[in-house]
Amino acid sequence: MNCLTGDSGECLRIVLLGVSGGGKSSLGNAILGGEVFKESRTRKSEIQTGRVEDRNISIIDTPGFFSTHLTDEEMKQQMTFVKDERNVVEQIQENFGAQALKFTMVLFIGREQMSKREWMYFMLDTKFQMMVSHCRNNYHVINSKNVIQLTHITELLEKIDQIIKENNHHHYNNDVYLKPKPSTKIRIEKEKKRKKMRKEKTRAI
């Protein structure tokens, strides 16, 4: 699971991203300390706000990547995803911009299900190393909701604060990163000119 973070002044904003059934809603409930999200297949984005450790926190729970419960149109409306590629990092880059990874943390949920030896091998795996490297090695390990402790949430928030600090207290702004790239704009303008020229030729004939 990936956590897109930002501090927009008085409120810490956390966007939960990940594959369908990855535990996003459960984690949101654990952070906010209540059953605020329905722990089922999320069909549309939902935001809930609460007070945690004397600070306001807003959590946005999103439909899972590659969800079989959403139509293509519903997925586009909720997440602006345009491709069904089985790679979470690519999904984030394509739909939120490469810069979004600077504000992203990889969350591994269910640490209690692995022994220390198993976790060590997992960390040394090439896939693990590649995943976290995309996010400046920002990752956090946390237990499943049923065995999570308050200290785990505190540690998670501390790591998020560190990411915000590394970004000079700037927060992710989708208005900036979801704008069409210059190359895309150029292609659009060229296509408009070609269509205009074709129309003019047709009229001349």
N, C-alpha and C. Protein backbone atom coordinates (compact mmCIF):
# COMPACT_ATOMS: atom_id res chain seq x y z
N MET A 1 0.84 -1.19 0.00
CA MET A 1 0.00 0.00 0.00
C MET A 1 0.87 1.24 0.00
N ASN A 2 0.40 2.28 -0.65
CA ASN A 2 1.14 3.53 -0.69
C ASN A 2 0.34 4.64 -0.04
N CYS A 3 1.07 5.54 0.61
CA CYS A 3 0.43 6.63 1.34
C CYS A 3 0.96 7.94 0.79
N LEU A 4 0.09 8.71 0.15
CA LEU A 4 0.45 10.02 -0.41
C LEU A 4 0.15 11.07 0.65
N THR A 5 1.16 11.83 1.04
CA THR A 5 1.01 12.71 2.20
C THR A 5 1.15 14.18 1.84
N GLY A 6 0.65 15.02 2.73
CA GLY A 6 0.79 16.46 2.57
C GLY A 6 0.29 17.18 3.79
N ASP A 7 0.94 18.26 4.13
CA ASP A 7 0.51 19.07 5.27
C ASP A 7 0.04 20.40 4.73
N SER A 8 -1.28 20.57 4.67
CA SER A 8 -1.83 21.80 4.09
C SER A 8 -2.18 22.80 5.18
N GLY A 9 -1.21 23.05 6.06
CA GLY A 9 -1.44 24.05 7.10
C GLY A 9 -1.91 23.42 8.39
N GLU A 10 -3.18 23.58 8.70
CA GLU A 10 -3.69 23.11 9.98
C GLU A 10 -4.03 21.63 9.99
N CYS A 11 -4.11 20.99 8.83
CA CYS A 11 -4.57 19.62 8.76
C CYS A 11 -3.58 18.75 7.98
N LEU A 12 -3.25 17.60 8.53
CA LEU A 12 -2.41 16.63 7.84
C LEU A 12 -3.31 15.80 6.92
N ARG A 13 -2.97 15.74 5.66
CA ARG A 13 -3.78 15.03 4.68
C ARG A 13 -3.06 13.77 4.22
N ILE A 14 -3.75 12.64 4.29
CA ILE A 14 -3.17 11.36 3.90
C ILE A 14 -4.09 10.71 2.87
N VAL A 15 -3.53 10.35 1.73
CA VAL A 15 -4.29 9.64 0.70
C VAL A 15 -3.79 8.20 0.66
N LEU A 16 -4.70 7.25 0.84
CA LEU A 16 -4.34 5.84 0.85
C LEU A 16 -4.53 5.25 -0.55
N LEU A 17 -3.44 4.74 -1.11
CA LEU A 17 -3.46 4.16 -2.45
C LEU A 17 -2.97 2.72 -2.38
N GLY A 18 -3.49 1.87 -3.24
CA GLY A 18 -3.02 0.50 -3.25
C GLY A 18 -3.95 -0.42 -3.99
N VAL A 19 -3.58 -1.69 -4.04
CA VAL A 19 -4.40 -2.67 -4.74
C VAL A 19 -5.69 -2.92 -3.98
N SER A 20 -6.67 -3.41 -4.69
CA SER A 20 -7.95 -3.73 -4.08
C SER A 20 -7.77 -4.82 -3.03
N GLY A 21 -8.35 -4.60 -1.84
CA GLY A 21 -8.24 -5.57 -0.76
C GLY A 21 -6.93 -5.49 0.01
N GLY A 22 -6.19 -4.39 -0.16
CA GLY A 22 -4.90 -4.25 0.49
C GLY A 22 -4.95 -3.74 1.92
N GLY A 23 -6.15 -3.42 2.42
CA GLY A 23 -6.27 -2.98 3.81
C GLY A 23 -6.26 -1.48 4.00
N LYS A 24 -6.57 -0.71 2.95
CA LYS A 24 -6.56 0.74 3.06
C LYS A 24 -7.60 1.25 4.05
N SER A 25 -8.82 0.74 3.92
CA SER A 25 -9.90 1.19 4.81
C SER A 25 -9.62 0.84 6.26
N SER A 26 -9.07 -0.35 6.48
CA SER A 26 -8.73 -0.79 7.83
C SER A 26 -7.68 0.10 8.45
N LEU A 27 -6.69 0.46 7.65
CA LEU A 27 -5.64 1.34 8.16
C LEU A 27 -6.20 2.72 8.48
N GLY A 28 -7.08 3.23 7.61
CA GLY A 28 -7.70 4.52 7.87
C GLY A 28 -8.45 4.51 9.19
N ASN A 29 -9.17 3.43 9.45
CA ASN A 29 -9.90 3.29 10.72
C ASN A 29 -8.95 3.23 11.91
N ALA A 30 -7.84 2.53 11.72
CA ALA A 30 -6.87 2.40 12.81
C ALA A 30 -6.25 3.74 13.16
N ILE A 31 -5.93 4.54 12.13
CA ILE A 31 -5.32 5.84 12.37
C ILE A 31 -6.29 6.78 13.09
N LEU A 32 -7.53 6.80 12.61
CA LEU A 32 -8.53 7.71 13.18
C LEU A 32 -9.18 7.15 14.45
N GLY A 33 -8.90 5.90 14.75
CA GLY A 33 -9.40 5.33 16.00
C GLY A 33 -10.89 5.06 16.04
N GLY A 34 -11.47 4.69 14.91
CA GLY A 34 -12.90 4.40 14.87
C GLY A 34 -13.28 3.74 13.56
N GLU A 35 -14.51 3.25 13.49
CA GLU A 35 -14.99 2.60 12.27
C GLU A 35 -15.63 3.65 11.35
N VAL A 36 -14.80 4.48 10.78
CA VAL A 36 -15.30 5.58 9.94
C VAL A 36 -15.39 5.18 8.47
N PHE A 37 -14.58 4.22 8.06
CA PHE A 37 -14.63 3.72 6.69
C PHE A 37 -15.22 2.31 6.69
N LYS A 38 -16.03 2.02 5.69
CA LYS A 38 -16.54 0.66 5.54
C LYS A 38 -15.43 -0.22 5.00
N GLU A 39 -15.16 -1.30 5.70
CA GLU A 39 -14.07 -2.18 5.32
C GLU A 39 -14.56 -3.21 4.30
N SER A 40 -14.89 -2.71 3.13
CA SER A 40 -15.33 -3.55 2.03
C SER A 40 -14.74 -2.96 0.76
N ARG A 41 -15.11 -3.49 -0.37
CA ARG A 41 -14.58 -2.98 -1.64
C ARG A 41 -15.03 -1.54 -1.85
N THR A 42 -14.08 -0.62 -1.79
CA THR A 42 -14.40 0.80 -1.94
C THR A 42 -14.65 1.12 -3.41
N ARG A 43 -15.83 1.69 -3.70
CA ARG A 43 -16.19 2.00 -5.07
C ARG A 43 -15.97 3.46 -5.43
N LYS A 44 -15.80 4.31 -4.43
CA LYS A 44 -15.51 5.71 -4.72
C LYS A 44 -14.68 6.29 -3.57
N SER A 45 -13.97 7.35 -3.87
CA SER A 45 -13.12 7.97 -2.87
C SER A 45 -13.96 8.56 -1.75
N GLU A 46 -13.44 8.45 -0.55
CA GLU A 46 -14.15 8.96 0.62
C GLU A 46 -13.16 9.61 1.57
N ILE A 47 -13.54 10.73 2.14
CA ILE A 47 -12.67 11.44 3.07
C ILE A 47 -13.30 11.47 4.45
N GLN A 48 -12.48 11.20 5.46
CA GLN A 48 -12.90 11.29 6.85
C GLN A 48 -11.84 12.05 7.63
N THR A 49 -12.27 12.84 8.58
CA THR A 49 -11.36 13.68 9.36
C THR A 49 -11.53 13.39 10.85
N GLY A 50 -10.43 13.39 11.56
CA GLY A 50 -10.49 13.16 13.00
C GLY A 50 -9.36 13.87 13.71
N ARG A 51 -9.38 13.77 15.02
CA ARG A 51 -8.36 14.39 15.86
C ARG A 51 -7.47 13.29 16.42
N VAL A 52 -6.20 13.32 16.06
CA VAL A 52 -5.26 12.29 16.51
C VAL A 52 -4.03 12.97 17.08
N GLU A 53 -3.75 12.68 18.35
CA GLU A 53 -2.58 13.27 19.02
C GLU A 53 -2.55 14.79 18.88
N ASP A 54 -3.67 15.41 19.19
CA ASP A 54 -3.79 16.87 19.19
C ASP A 54 -3.56 17.52 17.83
N ARG A 55 -3.91 16.82 16.77
CA ARG A 55 -3.80 17.40 15.44
C ARG A 55 -4.94 16.89 14.58
N ASN A 56 -5.36 17.73 13.63
CA ASN A 56 -6.40 17.33 12.70
C ASN A 56 -5.80 16.52 11.56
N ILE A 57 -6.41 15.39 11.28
CA ILE A 57 -5.93 14.51 10.22
C ILE A 57 -7.09 14.16 9.30
N SER A 58 -6.88 14.37 8.00
CA SER A 58 -7.86 13.97 6.99
C SER A 58 -7.30 12.79 6.21
N ILE A 59 -8.10 11.75 6.10
CA ILE A 59 -7.67 10.56 5.36
C ILE A 59 -8.62 10.34 4.20
N ILE A 60 -8.04 10.16 3.03
CA ILE A 60 -8.83 9.89 1.83
C ILE A 60 -8.63 8.43 1.45
N ASP A 61 -9.70 7.66 1.55
CA ASP A 61 -9.67 6.26 1.15
C ASP A 61 -10.10 6.19 -0.31
N THR A 62 -9.38 5.43 -1.11
CA THR A 62 -9.62 5.41 -2.56
C THR A 62 -9.95 4.01 -3.05
N PRO A 63 -10.58 3.92 -4.23
CA PRO A 63 -10.80 2.60 -4.83
C PRO A 63 -9.47 1.92 -5.10
N GLY A 64 -9.44 0.61 -4.95
CA GLY A 64 -8.19 -0.11 -5.16
C GLY A 64 -7.78 -0.14 -6.62
N PHE A 65 -6.47 -0.11 -6.85
CA PHE A 65 -5.97 -0.32 -8.20
C PHE A 65 -6.43 -1.69 -8.68
N PHE A 66 -6.80 -1.78 -9.95
CA PHE A 66 -7.16 -3.04 -10.57
C PHE A 66 -8.39 -3.67 -9.92
N SER A 67 -9.28 -2.86 -9.35
CA SER A 67 -10.48 -3.40 -8.70
C SER A 67 -11.40 -4.03 -9.74
N THR A 68 -11.85 -5.25 -9.44
CA THR A 68 -12.76 -5.95 -10.34
C THR A 68 -14.20 -5.53 -10.09
N HIS A 69 -14.42 -4.68 -9.08
CA HIS A 69 -15.78 -4.25 -8.73
C HIS A 69 -16.13 -2.91 -9.36
N LEU A 70 -15.20 -2.32 -10.10
CA LEU A 70 -15.46 -1.04 -10.74
C LEU A 70 -15.43 -1.19 -12.26
N THR A 71 -16.31 -0.48 -12.92
CA THR A 71 -16.23 -0.43 -14.37
C THR A 71 -15.09 0.51 -14.75
N ASP A 72 -14.66 0.46 -15.99
CA ASP A 72 -13.58 1.34 -16.44
C ASP A 72 -13.97 2.80 -16.25
N GLU A 73 -15.23 3.13 -16.53
CA GLU A 73 -15.69 4.51 -16.41
C GLU A 73 -15.68 4.96 -14.95
N GLU A 74 -16.12 4.09 -14.05
CA GLU A 74 -16.13 4.43 -12.62
C GLU A 74 -14.71 4.66 -12.12
N MET A 75 -13.77 3.84 -12.56
CA MET A 75 -12.39 3.99 -12.14
C MET A 75 -11.82 5.32 -12.63
N LYS A 76 -12.12 5.69 -13.87
CA LYS A 76 -11.63 6.97 -14.40
C LYS A 76 -12.19 8.14 -13.61
N GLN A 77 -13.47 8.05 -13.25
CA GLN A 77 -14.10 9.14 -12.52
C GLN A 77 -13.53 9.28 -11.12
N GLN A 78 -13.21 8.17 -10.48
CA GLN A 78 -12.77 8.21 -9.10
C GLN A 78 -11.27 8.46 -8.96
N MET A 79 -10.47 7.90 -9.84
CA MET A 79 -9.02 7.95 -9.67
C MET A 79 -8.30 8.56 -10.87
N THR A 80 -9.00 8.89 -11.91
CA THR A 80 -8.45 9.41 -13.16
C THR A 80 -7.43 8.46 -13.77
N PHE A 81 -7.56 7.17 -13.49
CA PHE A 81 -6.66 6.20 -14.08
C PHE A 81 -7.10 5.93 -15.51
N VAL A 82 -6.13 5.84 -16.41
CA VAL A 82 -6.46 5.59 -17.80
C VAL A 82 -5.88 4.28 -18.31
N LYS A 83 -5.09 3.61 -17.52
CA LYS A 83 -4.50 2.34 -17.93
C LYS A 83 -4.61 1.33 -16.80
N ASP A 84 -4.73 0.05 -17.16
CA ASP A 84 -4.85 -1.00 -16.18
C ASP A 84 -3.55 -1.78 -16.09
N GLU A 85 -2.47 -1.10 -15.80
CA GLU A 85 -1.18 -1.75 -15.68
C GLU A 85 -0.99 -2.24 -14.26
N ARG A 86 -0.46 -3.45 -14.14
CA ARG A 86 -0.34 -4.06 -12.82
C ARG A 86 0.92 -3.61 -12.11
N ASN A 87 1.06 -2.33 -11.93
CA ASN A 87 2.22 -1.79 -11.26
C ASN A 87 1.81 -0.53 -10.53
N VAL A 88 1.83 -0.57 -9.21
CA VAL A 88 1.35 0.55 -8.41
C VAL A 88 2.19 1.80 -8.63
N VAL A 89 3.50 1.63 -8.69
CA VAL A 89 4.38 2.79 -8.89
C VAL A 89 4.06 3.49 -10.20
N GLU A 90 3.86 2.71 -11.27
CA GLU A 90 3.53 3.30 -12.56
C GLU A 90 2.17 3.99 -12.50
N GLN A 91 1.24 3.40 -11.76
CA GLN A 91 -0.08 4.03 -11.63
C GLN A 91 0.04 5.40 -10.98
N ILE A 92 0.84 5.49 -9.93
CA ILE A 92 1.03 6.76 -9.24
C ILE A 92 1.70 7.78 -10.16
N GLN A 93 2.74 7.35 -10.86
CA GLN A 93 3.45 8.26 -11.75
C GLN A 93 2.57 8.77 -12.88
N GLU A 94 1.79 7.87 -13.45
CA GLU A 94 0.99 8.24 -14.60
C GLU A 94 -0.20 9.12 -14.24
N ASN A 95 -0.74 8.92 -13.04
CA ASN A 95 -1.97 9.61 -12.69
C ASN A 95 -1.80 10.76 -11.71
N PHE A 96 -0.66 10.80 -11.03
CA PHE A 96 -0.42 11.89 -10.09
C PHE A 96 0.87 12.63 -10.41
N GLY A 97 1.65 12.14 -11.37
CA GLY A 97 2.91 12.77 -11.71
C GLY A 97 4.07 12.13 -10.98
N ALA A 98 5.23 12.10 -11.62
CA ALA A 98 6.41 11.48 -11.01
C ALA A 98 6.79 12.16 -9.70
N GLN A 99 6.52 13.47 -9.62
CA GLN A 99 6.88 14.21 -8.42
C GLN A 99 6.09 13.72 -7.19
N ALA A 100 4.96 13.08 -7.42
CA ALA A 100 4.14 12.61 -6.30
C ALA A 100 4.89 11.59 -5.45
N LEU A 101 5.83 10.88 -6.06
CA LEU A 101 6.58 9.87 -5.31
C LEU A 101 7.43 10.49 -4.20
N LYS A 102 7.73 11.78 -4.35
CA LYS A 102 8.48 12.47 -3.28
C LYS A 102 7.65 12.55 -2.01
N PHE A 103 6.35 12.51 -2.16
CA PHE A 103 5.44 12.65 -1.02
C PHE A 103 4.83 11.29 -0.62
N THR A 104 5.39 10.22 -1.17
CA THR A 104 4.79 8.90 -1.00
C THR A 104 5.61 8.01 -0.08
N MET A 105 4.90 7.28 0.76
CA MET A 105 5.52 6.28 1.63
C MET A 105 4.89 4.92 1.32
N VAL A 106 5.72 3.88 1.30
CA VAL A 106 5.22 2.52 1.12
C VAL A 106 4.91 1.92 2.49
N LEU A 107 3.69 1.43 2.64
CA LEU A 107 3.28 0.83 3.91
C LEU A 107 3.16 -0.68 3.75
N PHE A 108 3.81 -1.41 4.64
CA PHE A 108 3.70 -2.86 4.66
C PHE A 108 2.86 -3.24 5.89
N ILE A 109 1.69 -3.80 5.62
CA ILE A 109 0.75 -4.13 6.69
C ILE A 109 0.76 -5.63 6.96
N GLY A 110 0.76 -5.99 8.25
CA GLY A 110 0.73 -7.40 8.63
C GLY A 110 2.07 -7.94 9.06
N ARG A 111 2.88 -7.08 9.67
CA ARG A 111 4.23 -7.50 10.11
C ARG A 111 4.17 -8.68 11.07
N GLU A 112 3.11 -8.76 11.88
CA GLU A 112 3.03 -9.82 12.89
C GLU A 112 2.88 -11.21 12.27
N GLN A 113 2.57 -11.26 10.98
CA GLN A 113 2.38 -12.53 10.32
C GLN A 113 3.68 -13.14 9.82
N MET A 114 4.77 -12.41 9.99
CA MET A 114 6.08 -12.89 9.53
C MET A 114 7.05 -13.00 10.70
N SER A 115 7.89 -14.00 10.67
CA SER A 115 8.93 -14.13 11.69
C SER A 115 10.04 -13.14 11.37
N LYS A 116 10.95 -12.93 12.30
CA LYS A 116 12.06 -12.01 12.06
C LYS A 116 12.89 -12.46 10.87
N ARG A 117 13.10 -13.77 10.75
CA ARG A 117 13.88 -14.30 9.63
C ARG A 117 13.16 -14.04 8.31
N GLU A 118 11.85 -14.31 8.28
CA GLU A 118 11.08 -14.09 7.06
C GLU A 118 11.08 -12.62 6.65
N TRP A 119 10.96 -11.74 7.65
CA TRP A 119 10.96 -10.31 7.35
C TRP A 119 12.32 -9.87 6.83
N MET A 120 13.40 -10.44 7.37
CA MET A 120 14.73 -10.08 6.92
C MET A 120 14.93 -10.46 5.46
N TYR A 121 14.50 -11.67 5.10
CA TYR A 121 14.60 -12.10 3.70
C TYR A 121 13.74 -11.23 2.80
N PHE A 122 12.58 -10.86 3.30
CA PHE A 122 11.67 -10.02 2.54
C PHE A 122 12.30 -8.67 2.24
N MET A 123 12.95 -8.08 3.23
CA MET A 123 13.60 -6.77 3.06
C MET A 123 14.76 -6.82 2.07
N LEU A 124 15.43 -7.98 2.01
CA LEU A 124 16.59 -8.12 1.13
C LEU A 124 16.20 -8.47 -0.30
N ASP A 125 14.93 -8.75 -0.49
CA ASP A 125 14.47 -9.11 -1.82
C ASP A 125 14.59 -7.92 -2.78
N THR A 126 14.96 -8.21 -4.02
CA THR A 126 15.15 -7.16 -5.03
C THR A 126 13.88 -6.36 -5.27
N LYS A 127 12.73 -7.03 -5.28
CA LYS A 127 11.46 -6.34 -5.52
C LYS A 127 11.16 -5.33 -4.42
N PHE A 128 11.48 -5.71 -3.17
CA PHE A 128 11.29 -4.80 -2.04
C PHE A 128 12.17 -3.57 -2.23
N GLN A 129 13.44 -3.81 -2.54
CA GLN A 129 14.39 -2.71 -2.69
C GLN A 129 13.98 -1.77 -3.82
N MET A 130 13.51 -2.34 -4.92
CA MET A 130 13.09 -1.50 -6.05
C MET A 130 11.86 -0.67 -5.70
N MET A 131 10.91 -1.29 -5.00
CA MET A 131 9.68 -0.58 -4.63
C MET A 131 9.97 0.64 -3.77
N VAL A 132 10.72 0.45 -2.69
CA VAL A 132 10.96 1.56 -1.77
C VAL A 132 11.91 2.60 -2.36
N SER A 133 12.77 2.17 -3.30
CA SER A 133 13.71 3.13 -3.89
C SER A 133 12.98 4.21 -4.68
N HIS A 134 11.83 3.88 -5.24
CA HIS A 134 11.05 4.87 -5.98
C HIS A 134 10.55 5.98 -5.07
N CYS A 135 10.44 5.68 -3.79
CA CYS A 135 9.90 6.64 -2.81
C CYS A 135 10.98 7.12 -1.84
N ARG A 136 12.21 7.22 -2.35
CA ARG A 136 13.32 7.71 -1.53
C ARG A 136 13.54 6.83 -0.30
N ASN A 137 13.25 5.55 -0.44
CA ASN A 137 13.38 4.58 0.66
C ASN A 137 12.49 4.92 1.86
N ASN A 138 11.43 5.65 1.59
CA ASN A 138 10.46 5.95 2.65
C ASN A 138 9.44 4.82 2.74
N TYR A 139 9.51 4.06 3.80
CA TYR A 139 8.55 2.99 4.02
C TYR A 139 8.32 2.80 5.51
N HIS A 140 7.23 2.16 5.82
CA HIS A 140 6.90 1.90 7.23
C HIS A 140 6.24 0.54 7.33
N VAL A 141 6.54 -0.16 8.41
CA VAL A 141 5.99 -1.49 8.65
C VAL A 141 5.03 -1.41 9.83
N ILE A 142 3.86 -1.99 9.67
CA ILE A 142 2.85 -1.86 10.71
C ILE A 142 2.07 -3.17 10.82
N ASN A 143 1.56 -3.44 12.00
CA ASN A 143 0.76 -4.65 12.21
C ASN A 143 -0.62 -4.51 11.60
N SER A 144 -1.32 -5.63 11.50
CA SER A 144 -2.70 -5.62 11.04
C SER A 144 -3.57 -4.88 12.05
N LYS A 145 -4.74 -4.45 11.60
CA LYS A 145 -5.60 -3.62 12.43
C LYS A 145 -5.92 -4.25 13.79
N ASN A 146 -6.19 -5.56 13.82
CA ASN A 146 -6.61 -6.22 15.05
C ASN A 146 -5.53 -6.27 16.12
N VAL A 147 -4.28 -6.14 15.71
CA VAL A 147 -3.19 -6.21 16.69
C VAL A 147 -2.34 -4.94 16.67
N ILE A 148 -2.86 -3.89 16.05
CA ILE A 148 -2.12 -2.63 15.99
C ILE A 148 -2.18 -1.93 17.34
N GLN A 149 -1.11 -1.21 17.64
CA GLN A 149 -1.03 -0.48 18.90
C GLN A 149 -0.90 1.01 18.63
N LEU A 150 -1.25 1.81 19.64
CA LEU A 150 -1.19 3.26 19.49
C LEU A 150 0.22 3.73 19.15
N THR A 151 1.23 3.05 19.69
CA THR A 151 2.62 3.44 19.40
C THR A 151 2.94 3.27 17.92
N HIS A 152 2.30 2.28 17.28
CA HIS A 152 2.52 2.07 15.85
C HIS A 152 2.00 3.26 15.05
N ILE A 153 0.86 3.79 15.44
CA ILE A 153 0.29 4.95 14.76
C ILE A 153 1.18 6.18 14.98
N THR A 154 1.67 6.32 16.21
CA THR A 154 2.56 7.44 16.53
C THR A 154 3.81 7.40 15.65
N GLU A 155 4.40 6.22 15.52
CA GLU A 155 5.60 6.07 14.69
C GLU A 155 5.31 6.37 13.23
N LEU A 156 4.14 5.95 12.76
CA LEU A 156 3.75 6.23 11.38
C LEU A 156 3.64 7.73 11.14
N LEU A 157 2.98 8.43 12.04
CA LEU A 157 2.82 9.88 11.89
C LEU A 157 4.16 10.60 11.97
N GLU A 158 5.06 10.09 12.78
CA GLU A 158 6.39 10.70 12.87
C GLU A 158 7.14 10.56 11.55
N LYS A 159 6.99 9.40 10.89
CA LYS A 159 7.65 9.20 9.61
C LYS A 159 7.04 10.10 8.54
N ILE A 160 5.72 10.27 8.60
CA ILE A 160 5.06 11.16 7.65
C ILE A 160 5.55 12.60 7.85
N ASP A 161 5.69 13.01 9.10
CA ASP A 161 6.20 14.35 9.39
C ASP A 161 7.61 14.52 8.83
N GLN A 162 8.40 13.46 8.87
CA GLN A 162 9.76 13.52 8.35
C GLN A 162 9.76 13.71 6.84
N ILE A 163 8.83 13.04 6.15
CA ILE A 163 8.71 13.20 4.70
C ILE A 163 8.33 14.64 4.36
N ILE A 164 7.39 15.19 5.13
CA ILE A 164 6.97 16.58 4.91
C ILE A 164 8.15 17.53 5.12
N LYS A 165 8.94 17.25 6.14
CA LYS A 165 10.11 18.07 6.41
C LYS A 165 11.11 17.99 5.27
N GLU A 166 11.30 16.80 4.71
CA GLU A 166 12.23 16.60 3.60
C GLU A 166 11.78 17.38 2.37
N ASN A 167 10.49 17.64 2.26
CA ASN A 167 9.95 18.39 1.14
C ASN A 167 9.75 19.87 1.48
N ASN A 168 10.50 20.34 2.46
CA ASN A 168 10.45 21.75 2.88
C ASN A 168 9.04 22.20 3.24
N HIS A 169 8.30 21.26 3.83
CA HIS A 169 6.93 21.54 4.31
C HIS A 169 5.97 21.87 3.18
N HIS A 170 6.35 21.53 1.95
CA HIS A 170 5.42 21.65 0.83
C HIS A 170 4.54 20.41 0.82
N HIS A 171 3.32 20.56 0.30
CA HIS A 171 2.44 19.41 0.21
C HIS A 171 2.12 19.11 -1.25
N TYR A 172 1.72 17.88 -1.48
CA TYR A 172 1.38 17.47 -2.85
C TYR A 172 0.19 18.27 -3.35
N ASN A 173 0.30 18.77 -4.57
CA ASN A 173 -0.75 19.58 -5.17
C ASN A 173 -1.15 18.96 -6.50
N ASN A 174 -2.30 18.30 -6.55
CA ASN A 174 -2.71 17.64 -7.78
C ASN A 174 -3.05 18.62 -8.89
N ASP A 175 -3.36 19.87 -8.55
CA ASP A 175 -3.63 20.88 -9.59
C ASP A 175 -2.39 21.12 -10.44
N VAL A 176 -1.22 20.96 -9.81
CA VAL A 176 0.03 21.15 -10.53
C VAL A 176 0.41 19.91 -11.31
N TYR A 177 0.39 18.75 -10.63
CA TYR A 177 0.92 17.54 -11.22
C TYR A 177 -0.04 16.84 -12.17
N LEU A 178 -1.33 17.19 -12.13
CA LEU A 178 -2.26 16.56 -13.05
C LEU A 178 -2.49 17.38 -14.31
N LYS A 179 -1.79 18.52 -14.42
CA LYS A 179 -1.89 19.32 -15.63
C LYS A 179 -1.23 18.58 -16.78
N PRO A 180 -1.72 18.73 -18.02
CA PRO A 180 -1.10 18.08 -19.16
C PRO A 180 0.36 18.51 -19.30
N LYS A 181 1.22 17.57 -19.66
CA LYS A 181 2.62 17.89 -19.85
C LYS A 181 2.77 18.76 -21.09
N PRO A 182 3.85 19.57 -21.15
CA PRO A 182 4.06 20.46 -22.31
C PRO A 182 4.00 19.70 -23.62
N SER A 183 4.61 18.49 -23.66
CA SER A 183 4.63 17.71 -24.90
C SER A 183 3.21 17.34 -25.32
N THR A 184 2.37 17.06 -24.36
CA THR A 184 0.98 16.73 -24.65
C THR A 184 0.26 17.94 -25.23
N LYS A 185 0.49 19.11 -24.64
CA LYS A 185 -0.12 20.34 -25.13
C LYS A 185 0.31 20.64 -26.55
N ILE A 186 1.59 20.40 -26.84
CA ILE A 186 2.10 20.66 -28.18
C ILE A 186 1.42 19.75 -29.20
N ARG A 187 1.27 18.46 -28.83
CA ARG A 187 0.62 17.52 -29.73
C ARG A 187 -0.84 17.92 -29.99
N ILE A 188 -1.50 18.38 -28.95
CA ILE A 188 -2.89 18.81 -29.10
C ILE A 188 -3.00 20.00 -30.04
N GLU A 189 -2.09 20.98 -29.86
CA GLU A 189 -2.12 22.17 -30.71
C GLU A 189 -1.83 21.82 -32.17
N LYS A 190 -0.87 20.90 -32.38
CA LYS A 190 -0.54 20.49 -33.75
C LYS A 190 -1.73 19.79 -34.40
N GLU A 191 -2.41 18.96 -33.63
CA GLU A 191 -3.56 18.24 -34.16
C GLU A 191 -4.67 19.22 -34.53
N LYS A 192 -4.88 20.26 -33.71
CA LYS A 192 -5.88 21.27 -34.01
C LYS A 192 -5.55 21.99 -35.31
N LYS A 193 -4.26 22.32 -35.51
CA LYS A 193 -3.84 23.02 -36.72
C LYS A 193 -4.05 22.14 -37.94
N ARG A 194 -3.74 20.83 -37.81
CA ARG A 194 -3.92 19.92 -38.94
C ARG A 194 -5.39 19.82 -39.33
N LYS A 195 -6.27 19.72 -38.32
CA LYS A 195 -7.71 19.64 -38.59
C LYS A 195 -8.20 20.91 -39.28
N LYS A 196 -7.67 22.07 -38.80
CA LYS A 196 -8.08 23.35 -39.39
C LYS A 196 -7.65 23.44 -40.84
N MET A 197 -6.43 22.96 -41.12
CA MET A 197 -5.92 22.99 -42.49
C MET A 197 -6.72 22.08 -43.40
N ARG A 198 -7.11 20.90 -42.88
CA ARG A 198 -7.91 19.97 -43.67
C ARG A 198 -9.26 20.58 -44.02
N LYS A 199 -9.88 21.28 -43.05
CA LYS A 199 -11.16 21.93 -43.29
C LYS A 199 -11.05 23.00 -44.34
N GLU A 200 -9.96 23.79 -44.26
CA GLU A 200 -9.75 24.87 -45.22
C GLU A 200 -9.55 24.33 -46.63
N LYS A 201 -8.82 23.19 -46.75
CA LYS A 201 -8.60 22.57 -48.06
C LYS A 201 -9.92 22.06 -48.64
N THR A 202 -10.73 21.47 -47.75
CA THR A 202 -12.03 20.95 -48.19
C THR A 202 -12.91 22.06 -48.74
N ARG A 203 -12.92 23.20 -48.05
CA ARG A 203 -13.71 24.35 -48.49
C ARG A 203 -13.20 24.88 -49.83
N ALA A 204 -11.87 24.88 -49.99
CA ALA A 204 -11.28 25.40 -51.23
C ALA A 204 -11.65 24.52 -52.42
N ILE A 205 -11.73 23.23 -52.20
CA ILE A 205 -12.12 22.31 -53.26
C ILE A 205 -13.58 22.51 -53.65
